[in-house]
Amino acid sequence: MAVIDVNEKNFNEKVLKSSEKGLVIVDFYADWCGPCRALGPLLEVLANEYNITLARINVDENPTLASSFEVMSIPNVKFFKNKKIVAEFVGAVPEDYIRKLIEKTK
């Protein structure tokens, strides 16, 4: 499991290439976002438990990347596998919901 900070320069390598080997959860967040601060630690725990990569993208620092994935609200979480989005959700959702998405897409 790895928690990595991703930006516009390394997105293709860190997310898309990694998603060919397994599930990558991408967390679009901002430091000022309360729900993001609540969700982040939970995503880290689950990524560690399921041994999957968690890529964190700060939308304030990477607006073009956020825009290219139509991120309008945060937290916005997308699950990538084989270079494609296989699941996603917006907002701070319950842990059980995230677990079900991971198990369905892993």
PDB file of N, CA and C in Angstrom:
ATOM      1  N   MET A   1       0.847  -1.176   0.000  1.00  0.00           N
ATOM      2  CA  MET A   1       0.000   0.000   0.000  1.00  0.00           C
ATOM      3  C   MET A   1       0.885   1.228   0.000  1.00  0.00           C
ATOM      4  N   ALA A   2       0.450   2.174  -0.746  1.00  0.00           N
ATOM      5  CA  ALA A   2       1.182   3.436  -0.779  1.00  0.00           C
ATOM      6  C   ALA A   2       0.184   4.584  -0.802  1.00  0.00           C
ATOM      7  N   VAL A   3       0.520   5.636  -0.072  1.00  0.00           N
ATOM      8  CA  VAL A   3      -0.225   6.883  -0.159  1.00  0.00           C
ATOM      9  C   VAL A   3       0.706   7.854  -0.862  1.00  0.00           C
ATOM     10  N   ILE A   4       0.272   8.335  -2.018  1.00  0.00           N
ATOM     11  CA  ILE A   4       1.145   9.201  -2.805  1.00  0.00           C
ATOM     12  C   ILE A   4       0.429  10.504  -3.146  1.00  0.00           C
ATOM     13  N   ASP A   5       1.195  11.569  -3.183  1.00  0.00           N
ATOM     14  CA  ASP A   5       0.664  12.848  -3.642  1.00  0.00           C
ATOM     15  C   ASP A   5       0.910  12.917  -5.141  1.00  0.00           C
ATOM     16  N   VAL A   6      -0.137  13.248  -5.867  1.00  0.00           N
ATOM     17  CA  VAL A   6      -0.072  13.249  -7.323  1.00  0.00           C
ATOM     18  C   VAL A   6      -0.341  14.662  -7.827  1.00  0.00           C
ATOM     19  N   ASN A   7       0.315  15.000  -8.945  1.00  0.00           N
ATOM     20  CA  ASN A   7       0.076  16.296  -9.571  1.00  0.00           C
ATOM     21  C   ASN A   7      -0.074  16.099 -11.076  1.00  0.00           C
ATOM     22  N   GLU A   8      -0.227  17.206 -11.772  1.00  0.00           N
ATOM     23  CA  GLU A   8      -0.463  17.124 -13.215  1.00  0.00           C
ATOM     24  C   GLU A   8       0.720  16.512 -13.963  1.00  0.00           C
ATOM     25  N   LYS A   9       1.925  16.678 -13.435  1.00  0.00           N
ATOM     26  CA  LYS A   9       3.120  16.154 -14.120  1.00  0.00           C
ATOM     27  C   LYS A   9       3.265  14.644 -13.980  1.00  0.00           C
ATOM     28  N   ASN A  10       2.880  14.098 -12.818  1.00  0.00           N
ATOM     29  CA  ASN A  10       3.130  12.671 -12.602  1.00  0.00           C
ATOM     30  C   ASN A  10       1.863  11.810 -12.595  1.00  0.00           C
ATOM     31  N   PHE A  11       0.716  12.391 -12.952  1.00  0.00           N
ATOM     32  CA  PHE A  11      -0.545  11.645 -12.914  1.00  0.00           C
ATOM     33  C   PHE A  11      -0.510  10.394 -13.789  1.00  0.00           C
ATOM     34  N   ASN A  12      -0.055  10.535 -15.023  1.00  0.00           N
ATOM     35  CA  ASN A  12      -0.055   9.375 -15.936  1.00  0.00           C
ATOM     36  C   ASN A  12       0.765   8.227 -15.379  1.00  0.00           C
ATOM     37  N   GLU A  13       1.939   8.544 -14.854  1.00  0.00           N
ATOM     38  CA  GLU A  13       2.811   7.493 -14.322  1.00  0.00           C
ATOM     39  C   GLU A  13       2.276   6.926 -13.010  1.00  0.00           C
ATOM     40  N   LYS A  14       1.907   7.793 -12.082  1.00  0.00           N
ATOM     41  CA  LYS A  14       1.536   7.358 -10.732  1.00  0.00           C
ATOM     42  C   LYS A  14       0.147   6.732 -10.656  1.00  0.00           C
ATOM     43  N   VAL A  15      -0.781   7.216 -11.484  1.00  0.00           N
ATOM     44  CA  VAL A  15      -2.147   6.685 -11.411  1.00  0.00           C
ATOM     45  C   VAL A  15      -2.438   5.735 -12.565  1.00  0.00           C
ATOM     46  N   LEU A  16      -2.331   6.219 -13.788  1.00  0.00           N
ATOM     47  CA  LEU A  16      -2.740   5.386 -14.922  1.00  0.00           C
ATOM     48  C   LEU A  16      -1.863   4.144 -15.069  1.00  0.00           C
ATOM     49  N   LYS A  17      -0.552   4.308 -15.036  1.00  0.00           N
ATOM     50  CA  LYS A  17       0.334   3.135 -15.148  1.00  0.00           C
ATOM     51  C   LYS A  17       0.138   2.178 -13.975  1.00  0.00           C
ATOM     52  N   SER A  18       0.028   2.728 -12.769  1.00  0.00           N
ATOM     53  CA  SER A  18      -0.174   1.880 -11.583  1.00  0.00           C
ATOM     54  C   SER A  18      -1.491   1.131 -11.653  1.00  0.00           C
ATOM     55  N   SER A  19      -2.500   1.735 -12.284  1.00  0.00           N
ATOM     56  CA  SER A  19      -3.812   1.088 -12.347  1.00  0.00           C
ATOM     57  C   SER A  19      -3.816  -0.138 -13.257  1.00  0.00           C
ATOM     58  N   GLU A  20      -2.759  -0.299 -14.055  1.00  0.00           N
ATOM     59  CA  GLU A  20      -2.638  -1.519 -14.866  1.00  0.00           C
ATOM     60  C   GLU A  20      -2.276  -2.710 -13.986  1.00  0.00           C
ATOM     61  N   LYS A  21      -1.687  -2.435 -12.819  1.00  0.00           N
ATOM     62  CA  LYS A  21      -1.263  -3.508 -11.906  1.00  0.00           C
ATOM     63  C   LYS A  21      -2.306  -3.792 -10.838  1.00  0.00           C
ATOM     64  N   GLY A  22      -3.227  -2.856 -10.636  1.00  0.00           N
ATOM     65  CA  GLY A  22      -4.234  -3.039  -9.592  1.00  0.00           C
ATOM     66  C   GLY A  22      -5.014  -1.760  -9.367  1.00  0.00           C
ATOM     67  N   LEU A  23      -5.945  -1.838  -8.451  1.00  0.00           N
ATOM     68  CA  LEU A  23      -6.822  -0.711  -8.156  1.00  0.00           C
ATOM     69  C   LEU A  23      -6.042   0.457  -7.571  1.00  0.00           C
ATOM     70  N   VAL A  24      -6.354   1.667  -8.050  1.00  0.00           N
ATOM     71  CA  VAL A  24      -5.800   2.900  -7.494  1.00  0.00           C
ATOM     72  C   VAL A  24      -6.984   3.789  -7.135  1.00  0.00           C
ATOM     73  N   ILE A  25      -7.037   4.211  -5.870  1.00  0.00           N
ATOM     74  CA  ILE A  25      -8.073   5.133  -5.422  1.00  0.00           C
ATOM     75  C   ILE A  25      -7.494   6.534  -5.503  1.00  0.00           C
ATOM     76  N   VAL A  26      -8.200   7.430  -6.183  1.00  0.00           N
ATOM     77  CA  VAL A  26      -7.747   8.810  -6.333  1.00  0.00           C
ATOM     78  C   VAL A  26      -8.683   9.715  -5.536  1.00  0.00           C
ATOM     79  N   ASP A  27      -8.110  10.423  -4.577  1.00  0.00           N
ATOM     80  CA  ASP A  27      -8.849  11.323  -3.696  1.00  0.00           C
ATOM     81  C   ASP A  27      -8.570  12.766  -4.105  1.00  0.00           C
ATOM     82  N   PHE A  28      -9.557  13.412  -4.724  1.00  0.00           N
ATOM     83  CA  PHE A  28      -9.454  14.834  -5.049  1.00  0.00           C
ATOM     84  C   PHE A  28      -9.916  15.597  -3.806  1.00  0.00           C
ATOM     85  N   TYR A  29      -9.058  16.435  -3.248  1.00  0.00           N
ATOM     86  CA  TYR A  29      -9.337  17.091  -1.976  1.00  0.00           C
ATOM     87  C   TYR A  29      -8.762  18.514  -1.962  1.00  0.00           C
ATOM     88  N   ALA A  30      -9.054  19.244  -0.880  1.00  0.00           N
ATOM     89  CA  ALA A  30      -8.416  20.529  -0.603  1.00  0.00           C
ATOM     90  C   ALA A  30      -8.173  20.608   0.905  1.00  0.00           C
ATOM     91  N   ASP A  31      -7.119  21.296   1.283  1.00  0.00           N
ATOM     92  CA  ASP A  31      -6.770  21.399   2.707  1.00  0.00           C
ATOM     93  C   ASP A  31      -7.865  22.079   3.537  1.00  0.00           C
ATOM     94  N   TRP A  32      -8.593  23.009   2.948  1.00  0.00           N
ATOM     95  CA  TRP A  32      -9.606  23.770   3.670  1.00  0.00           C
ATOM     96  C   TRP A  32     -10.941  23.030   3.791  1.00  0.00           C
ATOM     97  N   CYS A  33     -11.068  21.889   3.160  1.00  0.00           N
ATOM     98  CA  CYS A  33     -12.330  21.144   3.087  1.00  0.00           C
ATOM     99  C   CYS A  33     -12.485  20.213   4.298  1.00  0.00           C
ATOM    100  N   GLY A  34     -13.454  20.539   5.168  1.00  0.00           N
ATOM    101  CA  GLY A  34     -13.691  19.728   6.364  1.00  0.00           C
ATOM    102  C   GLY A  34     -14.017  18.271   6.068  1.00  0.00           C
ATOM    103  N   PRO A  35     -14.984  17.998   5.177  1.00  0.00           N
ATOM    104  CA  PRO A  35     -15.280  16.594   4.853  1.00  0.00           C
ATOM    105  C   PRO A  35     -14.069  15.860   4.265  1.00  0.00           C
ATOM    106  N   CYS A  36     -13.217  16.582   3.524  1.00  0.00           N
ATOM    107  CA  CYS A  36     -12.004  15.965   2.971  1.00  0.00           C
ATOM    108  C   CYS A  36     -11.070  15.530   4.107  1.00  0.00           C
ATOM    109  N   ARG A  37     -10.935  16.380   5.108  1.00  0.00           N
ATOM    110  CA  ARG A  37     -10.058  16.057   6.241  1.00  0.00           C
ATOM    111  C   ARG A  37     -10.607  14.879   7.042  1.00  0.00           C
ATOM    112  N   ALA A  38     -11.922  14.716   7.043  1.00  0.00           N
ATOM    113  CA  ALA A  38     -12.527  13.572   7.736  1.00  0.00           C
ATOM    114  C   ALA A  38     -12.355  12.289   6.928  1.00  0.00           C
ATOM    115  N   LEU A  39     -12.508  12.393   5.609  1.00  0.00           N
ATOM    116  CA  LEU A  39     -12.463  11.210   4.742  1.00  0.00           C
ATOM    117  C   LEU A  39     -11.037  10.700   4.515  1.00  0.00           C
ATOM    118  N   GLY A  40     -10.078  11.602   4.421  1.00  0.00           N
ATOM    119  CA  GLY A  40      -8.694  11.226   4.101  1.00  0.00           C
ATOM    120  C   GLY A  40      -8.122  10.115   4.967  1.00  0.00           C
ATOM    121  N   PRO A  41      -8.179  10.263   6.309  1.00  0.00           N
ATOM    122  CA  PRO A  41      -7.628   9.199   7.173  1.00  0.00           C
ATOM    123  C   PRO A  41      -8.329   7.855   6.992  1.00  0.00           C
ATOM    124  N   LEU A  42      -9.634   7.878   6.749  1.00  0.00           N
ATOM    125  CA  LEU A  42     -10.375   6.628   6.512  1.00  0.00           C
ATOM    126  C   LEU A  42      -9.896   5.960   5.230  1.00  0.00           C
ATOM    127  N   LEU A  43      -9.707   6.753   4.175  1.00  0.00           N
ATOM    128  CA  LEU A  43      -9.198   6.190   2.914  1.00  0.00           C
ATOM    129  C   LEU A  43      -7.818   5.584   3.110  1.00  0.00           C
ATOM    130  N   GLU A  44      -6.981   6.235   3.919  1.00  0.00           N
ATOM    131  CA  GLU A  44      -5.640   5.698   4.187  1.00  0.00           C
ATOM    132  C   GLU A  44      -5.717   4.352   4.900  1.00  0.00           C
ATOM    133  N   VAL A  45      -6.582   4.256   5.894  1.00  0.00           N
ATOM    134  CA  VAL A  45      -6.755   2.993   6.629  1.00  0.00           C
ATOM    135  C   VAL A  45      -7.217   1.886   5.685  1.00  0.00           C
ATOM    136  N   LEU A  46      -8.216   2.187   4.858  1.00  0.00           N
ATOM    137  CA  LEU A  46      -8.747   1.175   3.947  1.00  0.00           C
ATOM    138  C   LEU A  46      -7.732   0.787   2.871  1.00  0.00           C
ATOM    139  N   ALA A  47      -7.001   1.752   2.351  1.00  0.00           N
ATOM    140  CA  ALA A  47      -5.969   1.447   1.354  1.00  0.00           C
ATOM    141  C   ALA A  47      -4.915   0.522   1.951  1.00  0.00           C
ATOM    142  N   ASN A  48      -4.548   0.777   3.189  1.00  0.00           N
ATOM    143  CA  ASN A  48      -3.577  -0.070   3.871  1.00  0.00           C
ATOM    144  C   ASN A  48      -4.149  -1.467   4.102  1.00  0.00           C
ATOM    145  N   GLU A  49      -5.369  -1.518   4.566  1.00  0.00           N
ATOM    146  CA  GLU A  49      -6.016  -2.807   4.856  1.00  0.00           C
ATOM    147  C   GLU A  49      -6.153  -3.669   3.597  1.00  0.00           C
ATOM    148  N   TYR A  50      -6.522  -3.049   2.486  1.00  0.00           N
ATOM    149  CA  TYR A  50      -6.722  -3.787   1.234  1.00  0.00           C
ATOM    150  C   TYR A  50      -5.468  -3.821   0.353  1.00  0.00           C
ATOM    151  N   ASN A  51      -4.395  -3.209   0.842  1.00  0.00           N
ATOM    152  CA  ASN A  51      -3.125  -3.183   0.120  1.00  0.00           C
ATOM    153  C   ASN A  51      -3.268  -2.610  -1.297  1.00  0.00           C
ATOM    154  N   ILE A  52      -3.871  -1.428  -1.369  1.00  0.00           N
ATOM    155  CA  ILE A  52      -4.026  -0.746  -2.648  1.00  0.00           C
ATOM    156  C   ILE A  52      -3.444   0.666  -2.559  1.00  0.00           C
ATOM    157  N   THR A  53      -3.186   1.265  -3.689  1.00  0.00           N
ATOM    158  CA  THR A  53      -2.592   2.595  -3.744  1.00  0.00           C
ATOM    159  C   THR A  53      -3.669   3.664  -3.580  1.00  0.00           C
ATOM    160  N   LEU A  54      -3.358   4.652  -2.751  1.00  0.00           N
ATOM    161  CA  LEU A  54      -4.206   5.829  -2.585  1.00  0.00           C
ATOM    162  C   LEU A  54      -3.430   7.027  -3.116  1.00  0.00           C
ATOM    163  N   ALA A  55      -3.966   7.643  -4.148  1.00  0.00           N
ATOM    164  CA  ALA A  55      -3.345   8.828  -4.747  1.00  0.00           C
ATOM    165  C   ALA A  55      -4.160  10.051  -4.331  1.00  0.00           C
ATOM    166  N   ARG A  56      -3.477  11.032  -3.748  1.00  0.00           N
ATOM    167  CA  ARG A  56      -4.155  12.239  -3.280  1.00  0.00           C
ATOM    168  C   ARG A  56      -3.827  13.402  -4.216  1.00  0.00           C
ATOM    169  N   ILE A  57      -4.865  14.111  -4.676  1.00  0.00           N
ATOM    170  CA  ILE A  57      -4.671  15.240  -5.584  1.00  0.00           C
ATOM    171  C   ILE A  57      -5.321  16.483  -4.976  1.00  0.00           C
ATOM    172  N   ASN A  58      -4.500  17.475  -4.669  1.00  0.00           N
ATOM    173  CA  ASN A  58      -4.987  18.743  -4.138  1.00  0.00           C
ATOM    174  C   ASN A  58      -5.568  19.553  -5.300  1.00  0.00           C
ATOM    175  N   VAL A  59      -6.872  19.813  -5.263  1.00  0.00           N
ATOM    176  CA  VAL A  59      -7.524  20.489  -6.388  1.00  0.00           C
ATOM    177  C   VAL A  59      -7.088  21.948  -6.524  1.00  0.00           C
ATOM    178  N   ASP A  60      -6.702  22.576  -5.412  1.00  0.00           N
ATOM    179  CA  ASP A  60      -6.235  23.964  -5.480  1.00  0.00           C
ATOM    180  C   ASP A  60      -4.900  24.067  -6.209  1.00  0.00           C
ATOM    181  N   GLU A  61      -4.063  23.052  -6.054  1.00  0.00           N
ATOM    182  CA  GLU A  61      -2.742  23.046  -6.693  1.00  0.00           C
ATOM    183  C   GLU A  61      -2.764  22.430  -8.087  1.00  0.00           C
ATOM    184  N   ASN A  62      -3.826  21.699  -8.409  1.00  0.00           N
ATOM    185  CA  ASN A  62      -3.926  20.997  -9.695  1.00  0.00           C
ATOM    186  C   ASN A  62      -5.297  21.212 -10.330  1.00  0.00           C
ATOM    187  N   PRO A  63      -5.667  22.473 -10.604  1.00  0.00           N
ATOM    188  CA  PRO A  63      -7.011  22.738 -11.126  1.00  0.00           C
ATOM    189  C   PRO A  63      -7.279  22.144 -12.505  1.00  0.00           C
ATOM    190  N   THR A  64      -6.261  22.065 -13.343  1.00  0.00           N
ATOM    191  CA  THR A  64      -6.462  21.504 -14.681  1.00  0.00           C
ATOM    192  C   THR A  64      -6.787  20.016 -14.594  1.00  0.00           C
ATOM    193  N   LEU A  65      -6.086  19.318 -13.730  1.00  0.00           N
ATOM    194  CA  LEU A  65      -6.325  17.882 -13.540  1.00  0.00           C
ATOM    195  C   LEU A  65      -7.730  17.665 -12.971  1.00  0.00           C
ATOM    196  N   ALA A  66      -8.098  18.443 -11.977  1.00  0.00           N
ATOM    197  CA  ALA A  66      -9.439  18.321 -11.392  1.00  0.00           C
ATOM    198  C   ALA A  66     -10.509  18.601 -12.447  1.00  0.00           C
ATOM    199  N   SER A  67     -10.299  19.621 -13.240  1.00  0.00           N
ATOM    200  CA  SER A  67     -11.254  19.984 -14.279  1.00  0.00           C
ATOM    201  C   SER A  67     -11.368  18.891 -15.340  1.00  0.00           C
ATOM    202  N   SER A  68     -10.249  18.265 -15.683  1.00  0.00           N
ATOM    203  CA  SER A  68     -10.273  17.230 -16.721  1.00  0.00           C
ATOM    204  C   SER A  68     -11.087  16.013 -16.293  1.00  0.00           C
ATOM    205  N   PHE A  69     -11.249  15.823 -14.963  1.00  0.00           N
ATOM    206  CA  PHE A  69     -12.070  14.726 -14.454  1.00  0.00           C
ATOM    207  C   PHE A  69     -13.415  15.227 -13.934  1.00  0.00           C
ATOM    208  N   GLU A  70     -13.767  16.463 -14.339  1.00  0.00           N
ATOM    209  CA  GLU A  70     -15.056  17.056 -14.005  1.00  0.00           C
ATOM    210  C   GLU A  70     -15.342  17.054 -12.506  1.00  0.00           C
ATOM    211  N   VAL A  71     -14.322  17.360 -11.723  1.00  0.00           N
ATOM    212  CA  VAL A  71     -14.481  17.454 -10.276  1.00  0.00           C
ATOM    213  C   VAL A  71     -15.123  18.802  -9.960  1.00  0.00           C
ATOM    214  N   MET A  72     -16.385  18.770  -9.540  1.00  0.00           N
ATOM    215  CA  MET A  72     -17.129  19.990  -9.215  1.00  0.00           C
ATOM    216  C   MET A  72     -17.271  20.166  -7.709  1.00  0.00           C
ATOM    217  N   SER A  73     -17.288  19.071  -6.971  1.00  0.00           N
ATOM    218  CA  SER A  73     -17.427  19.090  -5.520  1.00  0.00           C
ATOM    219  C   SER A  73     -16.378  18.177  -4.923  1.00  0.00           C
ATOM    220  N   ILE A  74     -15.945  18.507  -3.715  1.00  0.00           N
ATOM    221  CA  ILE A  74     -14.978  17.663  -3.024  1.00  0.00           C
ATOM    222  C   ILE A  74     -15.504  17.355  -1.621  1.00  0.00           C
ATOM    223  N   PRO A  75     -15.071  16.240  -1.032  1.00  0.00           N
ATOM    224  CA  PRO A  75     -14.181  15.243  -1.603  1.00  0.00           C
ATOM    225  C   PRO A  75     -14.828  14.513  -2.784  1.00  0.00           C
ATOM    226  N   ASN A  76     -13.983  14.187  -3.735  1.00  0.00           N
ATOM    227  CA  ASN A  76     -14.399  13.477  -4.939  1.00  0.00           C
ATOM    228  C   ASN A  76     -13.409  12.331  -5.116  1.00  0.00           C
ATOM    229  N   VAL A  77     -13.894  11.111  -5.057  1.00  0.00           N
ATOM    230  CA  VAL A  77     -13.016   9.940  -5.071  1.00  0.00           C
ATOM    231  C   VAL A  77     -13.333   9.079  -6.281  1.00  0.00           C
ATOM    232  N   LYS A  78     -12.297   8.751  -7.026  1.00  0.00           N
ATOM    233  CA  LYS A  78     -12.453   7.936  -8.236  1.00  0.00           C
ATOM    234  C   LYS A  78     -11.567   6.695  -8.122  1.00  0.00           C
ATOM    235  N   PHE A  79     -12.088   5.573  -8.543  1.00  0.00           N
ATOM    236  CA  PHE A  79     -11.366   4.297  -8.509  1.00  0.00           C
ATOM    237  C   PHE A  79     -10.912   3.987  -9.929  1.00  0.00           C
ATOM    238  N   PHE A  80      -9.606   3.838 -10.111  1.00  0.00           N
ATOM    239  CA  PHE A  80      -9.045   3.545 -11.430  1.00  0.00           C
ATOM    240  C   PHE A  80      -8.552   2.105 -11.482  1.00  0.00           C
ATOM    241  N   LYS A  81      -8.857   1.444 -12.586  1.00  0.00           N
ATOM    242  CA  LYS A  81      -8.327   0.111 -12.857  1.00  0.00           C
ATOM    243  C   LYS A  81      -8.143   0.014 -14.364  1.00  0.00           C
ATOM    244  N   ASN A  82      -6.983  -0.463 -14.785  1.00  0.00           N
ATOM    245  CA  ASN A  82      -6.664  -0.562 -16.215  1.00  0.00           C
ATOM    246  C   ASN A  82      -6.905   0.754 -16.944  1.00  0.00           C
ATOM    247  N   LYS A  83      -6.454   1.839 -16.320  1.00  0.00           N
ATOM    248  CA  LYS A  83      -6.499   3.200 -16.881  1.00  0.00           C
ATOM    249  C   LYS A  83      -7.901   3.769 -17.035  1.00  0.00           C
ATOM    250  N   LYS A  84      -8.896   3.124 -16.424  1.00  0.00           N
ATOM    251  CA  LYS A  84     -10.273   3.592 -16.550  1.00  0.00           C
ATOM    252  C   LYS A  84     -10.886   3.801 -15.169  1.00  0.00           C
ATOM    253  N   ILE A  85     -11.847   4.713 -15.092  1.00  0.00           N
ATOM    254  CA  ILE A  85     -12.597   4.902 -13.848  1.00  0.00           C
ATOM    255  C   ILE A  85     -13.629   3.783 -13.760  1.00  0.00           C
ATOM    256  N   VAL A  86     -13.547   2.999 -12.684  1.00  0.00           N
ATOM    257  CA  VAL A  86     -14.462   1.863 -12.521  1.00  0.00           C
ATOM    258  C   VAL A  86     -15.510   2.109 -11.436  1.00  0.00           C
ATOM    259  N   ALA A  87     -15.306   3.162 -10.630  1.00  0.00           N
ATOM    260  CA  ALA A  87     -16.271   3.545  -9.599  1.00  0.00           C
ATOM    261  C   ALA A  87     -15.894   4.941  -9.114  1.00  0.00           C
ATOM    262  N   GLU A  88     -16.852   5.618  -8.510  1.00  0.00           N
ATOM    263  CA  GLU A  88     -16.567   6.941  -7.955  1.00  0.00           C
ATOM    264  C   GLU A  88     -17.665   7.349  -6.997  1.00  0.00           C
ATOM    265  N   PHE A  89     -17.342   8.301  -6.125  1.00  0.00           N
ATOM    266  CA  PHE A  89     -18.341   8.889  -5.246  1.00  0.00           C
ATOM    267  C   PHE A  89     -17.918  10.299  -4.875  1.00  0.00           C
ATOM    268  N   VAL A  90     -18.893  11.090  -4.464  1.00  0.00           N
ATOM    269  CA  VAL A  90     -18.661  12.470  -4.050  1.00  0.00           C
ATOM    270  C   VAL A  90     -19.181  12.625  -2.630  1.00  0.00           C
ATOM    271  N   GLY A  91     -18.400  13.298  -1.797  1.00  0.00           N
ATOM    272  CA  GLY A  91     -18.817  13.555  -0.424  1.00  0.00           C
ATOM    273  C   GLY A  91     -18.240  12.544   0.543  1.00  0.00           C
ATOM    274  N   ALA A  92     -18.446  12.825   1.816  1.00  0.00           N
ATOM    275  CA  ALA A  92     -17.983  11.920   2.869  1.00  0.00           C
ATOM    276  C   ALA A  92     -19.047  10.847   3.051  1.00  0.00           C
ATOM    277  N   VAL A  93     -18.767   9.673   2.541  1.00  0.00           N
ATOM    278  CA  VAL A  93     -19.720   8.563   2.595  1.00  0.00           C
ATOM    279  C   VAL A  93     -19.321   7.591   3.704  1.00  0.00           C
ATOM    280  N   PRO A  94     -20.231   6.737   4.136  1.00  0.00           N
ATOM    281  CA  PRO A  94     -19.916   5.780   5.210  1.00  0.00           C
ATOM    282  C   PRO A  94     -18.832   4.770   4.807  1.00  0.00           C
ATOM    283  N   GLU A  95     -18.112   4.304   5.794  1.00  0.00           N
ATOM    284  CA  GLU A  95     -17.033   3.328   5.579  1.00  0.00           C
ATOM    285  C   GLU A  95     -17.535   2.078   4.869  1.00  0.00           C
ATOM    286  N   ASP A  96     -18.699   1.579   5.242  1.00  0.00           N
ATOM    287  CA  ASP A  96     -19.240   0.364   4.615  1.00  0.00           C
ATOM    288  C   ASP A  96     -19.424   0.545   3.112  1.00  0.00           C
ATOM    289  N   TYR A  97     -19.854   1.724   2.710  1.00  0.00           N
ATOM    290  CA  TYR A  97     -20.054   2.016   1.285  1.00  0.00           C
ATOM    291  C   TYR A  97     -18.722   1.936   0.532  1.00  0.00           C
ATOM    292  N   ILE A  98     -17.683   2.514   1.127  1.00  0.00           N
ATOM    293  CA  ILE A  98     -16.360   2.498   0.488  1.00  0.00           C
ATOM    294  C   ILE A  98     -15.827   1.066   0.423  1.00  0.00           C
ATOM    295  N   ARG A  99     -16.003   0.308   1.484  1.00  0.00           N
ATOM    296  CA  ARG A  99     -15.562  -1.096   1.499  1.00  0.00           C
ATOM    297  C   ARG A  99     -16.215  -1.885   0.362  1.00  0.00           C
ATOM    298  N   LYS A 100     -17.506  -1.682   0.177  1.00  0.00           N
ATOM    299  CA  LYS A 100     -18.228  -2.411  -0.875  1.00  0.00           C
ATOM    300  C   LYS A 100     -17.678  -2.035  -2.251  1.00  0.00           C
ATOM    301  N   LEU A 101     -17.379  -0.754  -2.465  1.00  0.00           N
ATOM    302  CA  LEU A 101     -16.807  -0.335  -3.746  1.00  0.00           C
ATOM    303  C   LEU A 101     -15.432  -0.974  -3.975  1.00  0.00           C
ATOM    304  N   ILE A 102     -14.625  -0.998  -2.924  1.00  0.00           N
ATOM    305  CA  ILE A 102     -13.282  -1.594  -3.046  1.00  0.00           C
ATOM    306  C   ILE A 102     -13.418  -3.085  -3.378  1.00  0.00           C
ATOM    307  N   GLU A 103     -14.254  -3.786  -2.655  1.00  0.00           N
ATOM    308  CA  GLU A 103     -14.397  -5.230  -2.884  1.00  0.00           C
ATOM    309  C   GLU A 103     -14.968  -5.527  -4.266  1.00  0.00           C
ATOM    310  N   LYS A 104     -15.837  -4.654  -4.752  1.00  0.00           N
ATOM    311  CA  LYS A 104     -16.440  -4.847  -6.073  1.00  0.00           C
ATOM    312  C   LYS A 104     -15.433  -4.582  -7.205  1.00  0.00           C
ATOM    313  N   THR A 105     -14.513  -3.656  -6.979  1.00  0.00           N
ATOM    314  CA  THR A 105     -13.628  -3.217  -8.068  1.00  0.00           C
ATOM    315  C   THR A 105     -12.210  -3.756  -7.967  1.00  0.00           C
ATOM    316  N   LYS A 106     -11.831  -4.331  -6.831  1.00  0.00           N
ATOM    317  CA  LYS A 106     -10.438  -4.737  -6.599  1.00  0.00           C
ATOM    318  C   LYS A 106      -9.964  -5.785  -7.576  1.00  0.00           C
TER     319      LYS A 106
END
